[in-house]
Amino acid sequence: MSANSRKSRDQAESAFSKTQTQSLSLGRIVSEQDAVSRAREEKTARLRELRLEKEAADHLAAAAAPAPKRKAKR
């Protein structure tokens, strides 16, 4: 009877250990994916901000530049 109890306990501990390892691995994977997503979102926001600044500067430069002279039609 003790052998059956010992065998059952070993199987249960093995199953628990396997489940725990899978859970920790999954948690690590999710954390890594979150970090990658966060970095991508930060980069996208930074690039969007730079693009908007450039567009505003280009717009101001175009408004400040004199209009090109047109030749009169004959």
PDB file of N, CA and C in Angstrom:
ATOM      1  N   MET A   1       0.826  -1.185   0.000  1.00  0.00           N
ATOM      2  CA  MET A   1       0.000   0.000   0.000  1.00  0.00           C
ATOM      3  C   MET A   1       0.869   1.246   0.000  1.00  0.00           C
ATOM      4  N   SER A   2       1.947   1.204   0.698  1.00  0.00           N
ATOM      5  CA  SER A   2       2.848   2.343   0.760  1.00  0.00           C
ATOM      6  C   SER A   2       3.475   2.618  -0.603  1.00  0.00           C
ATOM      7  N   ALA A   3       3.739   1.569  -1.354  1.00  0.00           N
ATOM      8  CA  ALA A   3       4.332   1.722  -2.683  1.00  0.00           C
ATOM      9  C   ALA A   3       3.361   2.436  -3.624  1.00  0.00           C
ATOM     10  N   ASN A   4       2.066   2.091  -3.545  1.00  0.00           N
ATOM     11  CA  ASN A   4       1.064   2.752  -4.376  1.00  0.00           C
ATOM     12  C   ASN A   4       0.941   4.225  -4.003  1.00  0.00           C
ATOM     13  N   SER A   5       0.972   4.491  -2.716  1.00  0.00           N
ATOM     14  CA  SER A   5       0.874   5.856  -2.237  1.00  0.00           C
ATOM     15  C   SER A   5       2.075   6.671  -2.721  1.00  0.00           C
ATOM     16  N   ARG A   6       3.236   6.058  -2.626  1.00  0.00           N
ATOM     17  CA  ARG A   6       4.465   6.733  -3.041  1.00  0.00           C
ATOM     18  C   ARG A   6       4.453   6.994  -4.552  1.00  0.00           C
ATOM     19  N   LYS A   7       4.003   5.997  -5.312  1.00  0.00           N
ATOM     20  CA  LYS A   7       3.949   6.130  -6.759  1.00  0.00           C
ATOM     21  C   LYS A   7       2.957   7.218  -7.167  1.00  0.00           C
ATOM     22  N   SER A   8       1.802   7.253  -6.534  1.00  0.00           N
ATOM     23  CA  SER A   8       0.791   8.265  -6.827  1.00  0.00           C
ATOM     24  C   SER A   8       1.307   9.660  -6.496  1.00  0.00           C
ATOM     25  N   ARG A   9       1.991   9.743  -5.362  1.00  0.00           N
ATOM     26  CA  ARG A   9       2.539  11.040  -4.956  1.00  0.00           C
ATOM     27  C   ARG A   9       3.597  11.508  -5.953  1.00  0.00           C
ATOM     28  N   ASP A  10       4.475  10.616  -6.392  1.00  0.00           N
ATOM     29  CA  ASP A  10       5.510  10.969  -7.366  1.00  0.00           C
ATOM     30  C   ASP A  10       4.886  11.433  -8.680  1.00  0.00           C
ATOM     31  N   GLN A  11       3.829  10.747  -9.116  1.00  0.00           N
ATOM     32  CA  GLN A  11       3.148  11.139 -10.344  1.00  0.00           C
ATOM     33  C   GLN A  11       2.494  12.517 -10.198  1.00  0.00           C
ATOM     34  N   ALA A  12       1.879  12.738  -9.061  1.00  0.00           N
ATOM     35  CA  ALA A  12       1.228  14.026  -8.813  1.00  0.00           C
ATOM     36  C   ALA A  12       2.262  15.158  -8.779  1.00  0.00           C
ATOM     37  N   GLU A  13       3.382  14.915  -8.109  1.00  0.00           N
ATOM     38  CA  GLU A  13       4.432  15.933  -8.044  1.00  0.00           C
ATOM     39  C   GLU A  13       5.019  16.198  -9.430  1.00  0.00           C
ATOM     40  N   SER A  14       5.175  15.161 -10.218  1.00  0.00           N
ATOM     41  CA  SER A  14       5.692  15.311 -11.579  1.00  0.00           C
ATOM     42  C   SER A  14       4.725  16.129 -12.431  1.00  0.00           C
ATOM     43  N   ALA A  15       3.454  15.823 -12.328  1.00  0.00           N
ATOM     44  CA  ALA A  15       2.438  16.552 -13.092  1.00  0.00           C
ATOM     45  C   ALA A  15       2.384  18.017 -12.650  1.00  0.00           C
ATOM     46  N   PHE A  16       2.468  18.250 -11.342  1.00  0.00           N
ATOM     47  CA  PHE A  16       2.450  19.613 -10.832  1.00  0.00           C
ATOM     48  C   PHE A  16       3.666  20.385 -11.318  1.00  0.00           C
ATOM     49  N   SER A  17       4.829  19.749 -11.256  1.00  0.00           N
ATOM     50  CA  SER A  17       6.060  20.389 -11.704  1.00  0.00           C
ATOM     51  C   SER A  17       5.983  20.759 -13.177  1.00  0.00           C
ATOM     52  N   LYS A  18       5.443  19.862 -13.987  1.00  0.00           N
ATOM     53  CA  LYS A  18       5.298  20.116 -15.419  1.00  0.00           C
ATOM     54  C   LYS A  18       4.350  21.286 -15.651  1.00  0.00           C
ATOM     55  N   THR A  19       3.230  21.291 -14.957  1.00  0.00           N
ATOM     56  CA  THR A  19       2.251  22.369 -15.093  1.00  0.00           C
ATOM     57  C   THR A  19       2.844  23.701 -14.653  1.00  0.00           C
ATOM     58  N   GLN A  20       3.567  23.676 -13.556  1.00  0.00           N
ATOM     59  CA  GLN A  20       4.189  24.894 -13.040  1.00  0.00           C
ATOM     60  C   GLN A  20       5.222  25.436 -14.033  1.00  0.00           C
ATOM     61  N   THR A  21       6.023  24.571 -14.604  1.00  0.00           N
ATOM     62  CA  THR A  21       7.022  24.981 -15.590  1.00  0.00           C
ATOM     63  C   THR A  21       6.345  25.590 -16.813  1.00  0.00           C
ATOM     64  N   GLN A  22       5.277  24.969 -17.287  1.00  0.00           N
ATOM     65  CA  GLN A  22       4.552  25.503 -18.439  1.00  0.00           C
ATOM     66  C   GLN A  22       3.961  26.871 -18.117  1.00  0.00           C
ATOM     67  N   SER A  23       3.435  27.013 -16.927  1.00  0.00           N
ATOM     68  CA  SER A  23       2.845  28.277 -16.516  1.00  0.00           C
ATOM     69  C   SER A  23       3.899  29.382 -16.463  1.00  0.00           C
ATOM     70  N   LEU A  24       5.055  29.072 -15.912  1.00  0.00           N
ATOM     71  CA  LEU A  24       6.132  30.062 -15.834  1.00  0.00           C
ATOM     72  C   LEU A  24       6.628  30.434 -17.234  1.00  0.00           C
ATOM     73  N   SER A  25       6.729  29.448 -18.108  1.00  0.00           N
ATOM     74  CA  SER A  25       7.160  29.708 -19.485  1.00  0.00           C
ATOM     75  C   SER A  25       6.150  30.597 -20.200  1.00  0.00           C
ATOM     76  N   LEU A  26       4.886  30.295 -20.033  1.00  0.00           N
ATOM     77  CA  LEU A  26       3.837  31.090 -20.657  1.00  0.00           C
ATOM     78  C   LEU A  26       3.875  32.522 -20.130  1.00  0.00           C
ATOM     79  N   GLY A  27       4.056  32.675 -18.833  1.00  0.00           N
ATOM     80  CA  GLY A  27       4.151  34.013 -18.240  1.00  0.00           C
ATOM     81  C   GLY A  27       5.314  34.798 -18.806  1.00  0.00           C
ATOM     82  N   ARG A  28       6.452  34.136 -18.994  1.00  0.00           N
ATOM     83  CA  ARG A  28       7.627  34.799 -19.549  1.00  0.00           C
ATOM     84  C   ARG A  28       7.373  35.209 -21.004  1.00  0.00           C
ATOM     85  N   ILE A  29       6.729  34.337 -21.769  1.00  0.00           N
ATOM     86  CA  ILE A  29       6.420  34.639 -23.170  1.00  0.00           C
ATOM     87  C   ILE A  29       5.484  35.838 -23.263  1.00  0.00           C
ATOM     88  N   VAL A  30       4.462  35.852 -22.428  1.00  0.00           N
ATOM     89  CA  VAL A  30       3.512  36.966 -22.434  1.00  0.00           C
ATOM     90  C   VAL A  30       4.208  38.262 -22.056  1.00  0.00           C
ATOM     91  N   SER A  31       5.093  38.221 -21.084  1.00  0.00           N
ATOM     92  CA  SER A  31       5.834  39.413 -20.679  1.00  0.00           C
ATOM     93  C   SER A  31       6.704  39.933 -21.814  1.00  0.00           C
ATOM     94  N   GLU A  32       7.362  39.026 -22.509  1.00  0.00           N
ATOM     95  CA  GLU A  32       8.206  39.423 -23.640  1.00  0.00           C
ATOM     96  C   GLU A  32       7.367  40.044 -24.756  1.00  0.00           C
ATOM     97  N   GLN A  33       6.208  39.453 -25.033  1.00  0.00           N
ATOM     98  CA  GLN A  33       5.331  39.996 -26.075  1.00  0.00           C
ATOM     99  C   GLN A  33       4.824  41.381 -25.679  1.00  0.00           C
ATOM    100  N   ASP A  34       4.494  41.560 -24.406  1.00  0.00           N
ATOM    101  CA  ASP A  34       4.048  42.867 -23.936  1.00  0.00           C
ATOM    102  C   ASP A  34       5.154  43.905 -24.093  1.00  0.00           C
ATOM    103  N   ALA A  35       6.375  43.527 -23.781  1.00  0.00           N
ATOM    104  CA  ALA A  35       7.504  44.447 -23.911  1.00  0.00           C
ATOM    105  C   ALA A  35       7.726  44.833 -25.365  1.00  0.00           C
ATOM    106  N   VAL A  36       7.624  43.870 -26.271  1.00  0.00           N
ATOM    107  CA  VAL A  36       7.793  44.150 -27.699  1.00  0.00           C
ATOM    108  C   VAL A  36       6.678  45.076 -28.188  1.00  0.00           C
ATOM    109  N   SER A  37       5.453  44.804 -27.776  1.00  0.00           N
ATOM    110  CA  SER A  37       4.319  45.641 -28.176  1.00  0.00           C
ATOM    111  C   SER A  37       4.472  47.059 -27.644  1.00  0.00           C
ATOM    112  N   ARG A  38       4.874  47.182 -26.405  1.00  0.00           N
ATOM    113  CA  ARG A  38       5.061  48.494 -25.790  1.00  0.00           C
ATOM    114  C   ARG A  38       6.160  49.274 -26.519  1.00  0.00           C
ATOM    115  N   ALA A  39       7.262  48.600 -26.847  1.00  0.00           N
ATOM    116  CA  ALA A  39       8.357  49.260 -27.564  1.00  0.00           C
ATOM    117  C   ALA A  39       7.889  49.708 -28.949  1.00  0.00           C
ATOM    118  N   ARG A  40       7.109  48.868 -29.627  1.00  0.00           N
ATOM    119  CA  ARG A  40       6.602  49.223 -30.950  1.00  0.00           C
ATOM    120  C   ARG A  40       5.682  50.437 -30.860  1.00  0.00           C
ATOM    121  N   GLU A  41       4.799  50.456 -29.874  1.00  0.00           N
ATOM    122  CA  GLU A  41       3.876  51.584 -29.707  1.00  0.00           C
ATOM    123  C   GLU A  41       4.630  52.871 -29.398  1.00  0.00           C
ATOM    124  N   GLU A  42       5.673  52.794 -28.566  1.00  0.00           N
ATOM    125  CA  GLU A  42       6.469  53.975 -28.239  1.00  0.00           C
ATOM    126  C   GLU A  42       7.195  54.501 -29.475  1.00  0.00           C
ATOM    127  N   LYS A  43       7.748  53.589 -30.267  1.00  0.00           N
ATOM    128  CA  LYS A  43       8.455  53.990 -31.479  1.00  0.00           C
ATOM    129  C   LYS A  43       7.483  54.624 -32.472  1.00  0.00           C
ATOM    130  N   THR A  44       6.307  54.029 -32.617  1.00  0.00           N
ATOM    131  CA  THR A  44       5.306  54.573 -33.534  1.00  0.00           C
ATOM    132  C   THR A  44       4.884  55.970 -33.093  1.00  0.00           C
ATOM    133  N   ALA A  45       4.672  56.165 -31.809  1.00  0.00           N
ATOM    134  CA  ALA A  45       4.285  57.488 -31.297  1.00  0.00           C
ATOM    135  C   ALA A  45       5.398  58.506 -31.540  1.00  0.00           C
ATOM    136  N   ARG A  46       6.642  58.097 -31.324  1.00  0.00           N
ATOM    137  CA  ARG A  46       7.767  59.009 -31.528  1.00  0.00           C
ATOM    138  C   ARG A  46       7.887  59.391 -33.004  1.00  0.00           C
ATOM    139  N   LEU A  47       7.762  58.408 -33.887  1.00  0.00           N
ATOM    140  CA  LEU A  47       7.847  58.693 -35.316  1.00  0.00           C
ATOM    141  C   LEU A  47       6.678  59.559 -35.790  1.00  0.00           C
ATOM    142  N   ARG A  48       5.482  59.326 -35.258  1.00  0.00           N
ATOM    143  CA  ARG A  48       4.325  60.137 -35.616  1.00  0.00           C
ATOM    144  C   ARG A  48       4.552  61.593 -35.193  1.00  0.00           C
ATOM    145  N   GLU A  49       5.085  61.768 -33.990  1.00  0.00           N
ATOM    146  CA  GLU A  49       5.353  63.119 -33.492  1.00  0.00           C
ATOM    147  C   GLU A  49       6.376  63.826 -34.382  1.00  0.00           C
ATOM    148  N   LEU A  50       7.434  63.122 -34.759  1.00  0.00           N
ATOM    149  CA  LEU A  50       8.442  63.712 -35.646  1.00  0.00           C
ATOM    150  C   LEU A  50       7.848  64.070 -37.007  1.00  0.00           C
ATOM    151  N   ARG A  51       7.003  63.193 -37.542  1.00  0.00           N
ATOM    152  CA  ARG A  51       6.378  63.460 -38.838  1.00  0.00           C
ATOM    153  C   ARG A  51       5.479  64.685 -38.770  1.00  0.00           C
ATOM    154  N   LEU A  52       4.686  64.788 -37.705  1.00  0.00           N
ATOM    155  CA  LEU A  52       3.797  65.940 -37.561  1.00  0.00           C
ATOM    156  C   LEU A  52       4.585  67.234 -37.412  1.00  0.00           C
ATOM    157  N   GLU A  53       5.704  67.189 -36.667  1.00  0.00           N
ATOM    158  CA  GLU A  53       6.557  68.380 -36.533  1.00  0.00           C
ATOM    159  C   GLU A  53       7.125  68.788 -37.883  1.00  0.00           C
ATOM    160  N   LYS A  54       7.574  67.818 -38.668  1.00  0.00           N
ATOM    161  CA  LYS A  54       8.140  68.108 -39.985  1.00  0.00           C
ATOM    162  C   LYS A  54       7.078  68.687 -40.910  1.00  0.00           C
ATOM    163  N   GLU A  55       5.881  68.098 -40.887  1.00  0.00           N
ATOM    164  CA  GLU A  55       4.810  68.611 -41.734  1.00  0.00           C
ATOM    165  C   GLU A  55       4.457  70.048 -41.353  1.00  0.00           C
ATOM    166  N   ALA A  56       4.425  70.347 -40.054  1.00  0.00           N
ATOM    167  CA  ALA A  56       4.131  71.706 -39.610  1.00  0.00           C
ATOM    168  C   ALA A  56       5.231  72.659 -40.057  1.00  0.00           C
ATOM    169  N   ALA A  57       6.486  72.247 -39.939  1.00  0.00           N
ATOM    170  CA  ALA A  57       7.605  73.094 -40.369  1.00  0.00           C
ATOM    171  C   ALA A  57       7.563  73.319 -41.875  1.00  0.00           C
ATOM    172  N   ASP A  58       7.246  72.277 -42.632  1.00  0.00           N
ATOM    173  CA  ASP A  58       7.139  72.407 -44.078  1.00  0.00           C
ATOM    174  C   ASP A  58       6.003  73.354 -44.459  1.00  0.00           C
ATOM    175  N   HIS A  59       4.913  73.262 -43.742  1.00  0.00           N
ATOM    176  CA  HIS A  59       3.760  74.130 -44.005  1.00  0.00           C
ATOM    177  C   HIS A  59       4.129  75.584 -43.726  1.00  0.00           C
ATOM    178  N   LEU A  60       4.815  75.838 -42.620  1.00  0.00           N
ATOM    179  CA  LEU A  60       5.237  77.204 -42.288  1.00  0.00           C
ATOM    180  C   LEU A  60       6.232  77.723 -43.313  1.00  0.00           C
ATOM    181  N   ALA A  61       7.142  76.879 -43.737  1.00  0.00           N
ATOM    182  CA  ALA A  61       8.132  77.299 -44.732  1.00  0.00           C
ATOM    183  C   ALA A  61       7.457  77.629 -46.052  1.00  0.00           C
ATOM    184  N   ALA A  62       6.477  76.839 -46.430  1.00  0.00           N
ATOM    185  CA  ALA A  62       5.760  77.100 -47.679  1.00  0.00           C
ATOM    186  C   ALA A  62       4.954  78.391 -47.580  1.00  0.00           C
ATOM    187  N   ALA A  63       4.385  78.673 -46.435  1.00  0.00           N
ATOM    188  CA  ALA A  63       3.597  79.889 -46.246  1.00  0.00           C
ATOM    189  C   ALA A  63       4.499  81.124 -46.221  1.00  0.00           C
ATOM    190  N   ALA A  64       5.704  80.981 -45.715  1.00  0.00           N
ATOM    191  CA  ALA A  64       6.621  82.114 -45.604  1.00  0.00           C
ATOM    192  C   ALA A  64       7.337  82.396 -46.913  1.00  0.00           C
ATOM    193  N   ALA A  65       7.469  81.415 -47.755  1.00  0.00           N
ATOM    194  CA  ALA A  65       8.175  81.587 -49.024  1.00  0.00           C
ATOM    195  C   ALA A  65       7.316  82.413 -49.973  1.00  0.00           C
ATOM    196  N   PRO A  66       7.950  83.302 -50.725  1.00  0.00           N
ATOM    197  CA  PRO A  66       7.161  84.098 -51.673  1.00  0.00           C
ATOM    198  C   PRO A  66       6.632  83.204 -52.791  1.00  0.00           C
ATOM    199  N   ALA A  67       5.491  83.592 -53.303  1.00  0.00           N
ATOM    200  CA  ALA A  67       4.885  82.817 -54.379  1.00  0.00           C
ATOM    201  C   ALA A  67       5.734  82.988 -55.634  1.00  0.00           C
ATOM    202  N   PRO A  68       5.907  81.939 -56.393  1.00  0.00           N
ATOM    203  CA  PRO A  68       6.710  82.065 -57.621  1.00  0.00           C
ATOM    204  C   PRO A  68       6.019  82.998 -58.612  1.00  0.00           C
ATOM    205  N   LYS A  69       6.815  83.806 -59.308  1.00  0.00           N
ATOM    206  CA  LYS A  69       6.262  84.754 -60.281  1.00  0.00           C
ATOM    207  C   LYS A  69       5.871  83.981 -61.539  1.00  0.00           C
ATOM    208  N   ARG A  70       4.736  84.339 -62.057  1.00  0.00           N
ATOM    209  CA  ARG A  70       4.253  83.704 -63.275  1.00  0.00           C
ATOM    210  C   ARG A  70       4.495  84.647 -64.447  1.00  0.00           C
ATOM    211  N   LYS A  71       4.807  84.081 -65.543  1.00  0.00           N
ATOM    212  CA  LYS A  71       4.993  84.875 -66.743  1.00  0.00           C
ATOM    213  C   LYS A  71       3.634  85.228 -67.303  1.00  0.00           C
ATOM    214  N   ALA A  72       3.524  86.464 -67.772  1.00  0.00           N
ATOM    215  CA  ALA A  72       2.268  86.897 -68.362  1.00  0.00           C
ATOM    216  C   ALA A  72       2.090  86.263 -69.723  1.00  0.00           C
ATOM    217  N   LYS A  73       0.887  85.879 -70.025  1.00  0.00           N
ATOM    218  CA  LYS A  73       0.593  85.291 -71.331  1.00  0.00           C
ATOM    219  C   LYS A  73       0.547  86.402 -72.365  1.00  0.00           C
ATOM    220  N   ARG A  74       0.996  86.128 -73.532  1.00  0.00           N
ATOM    221  CA  ARG A  74       0.990  87.136 -74.598  1.00  0.00           C
ATOM    222  C   ARG A  74      -0.083  86.864 -75.584  1.00  0.00           C
TER     223      ARG A  74
END
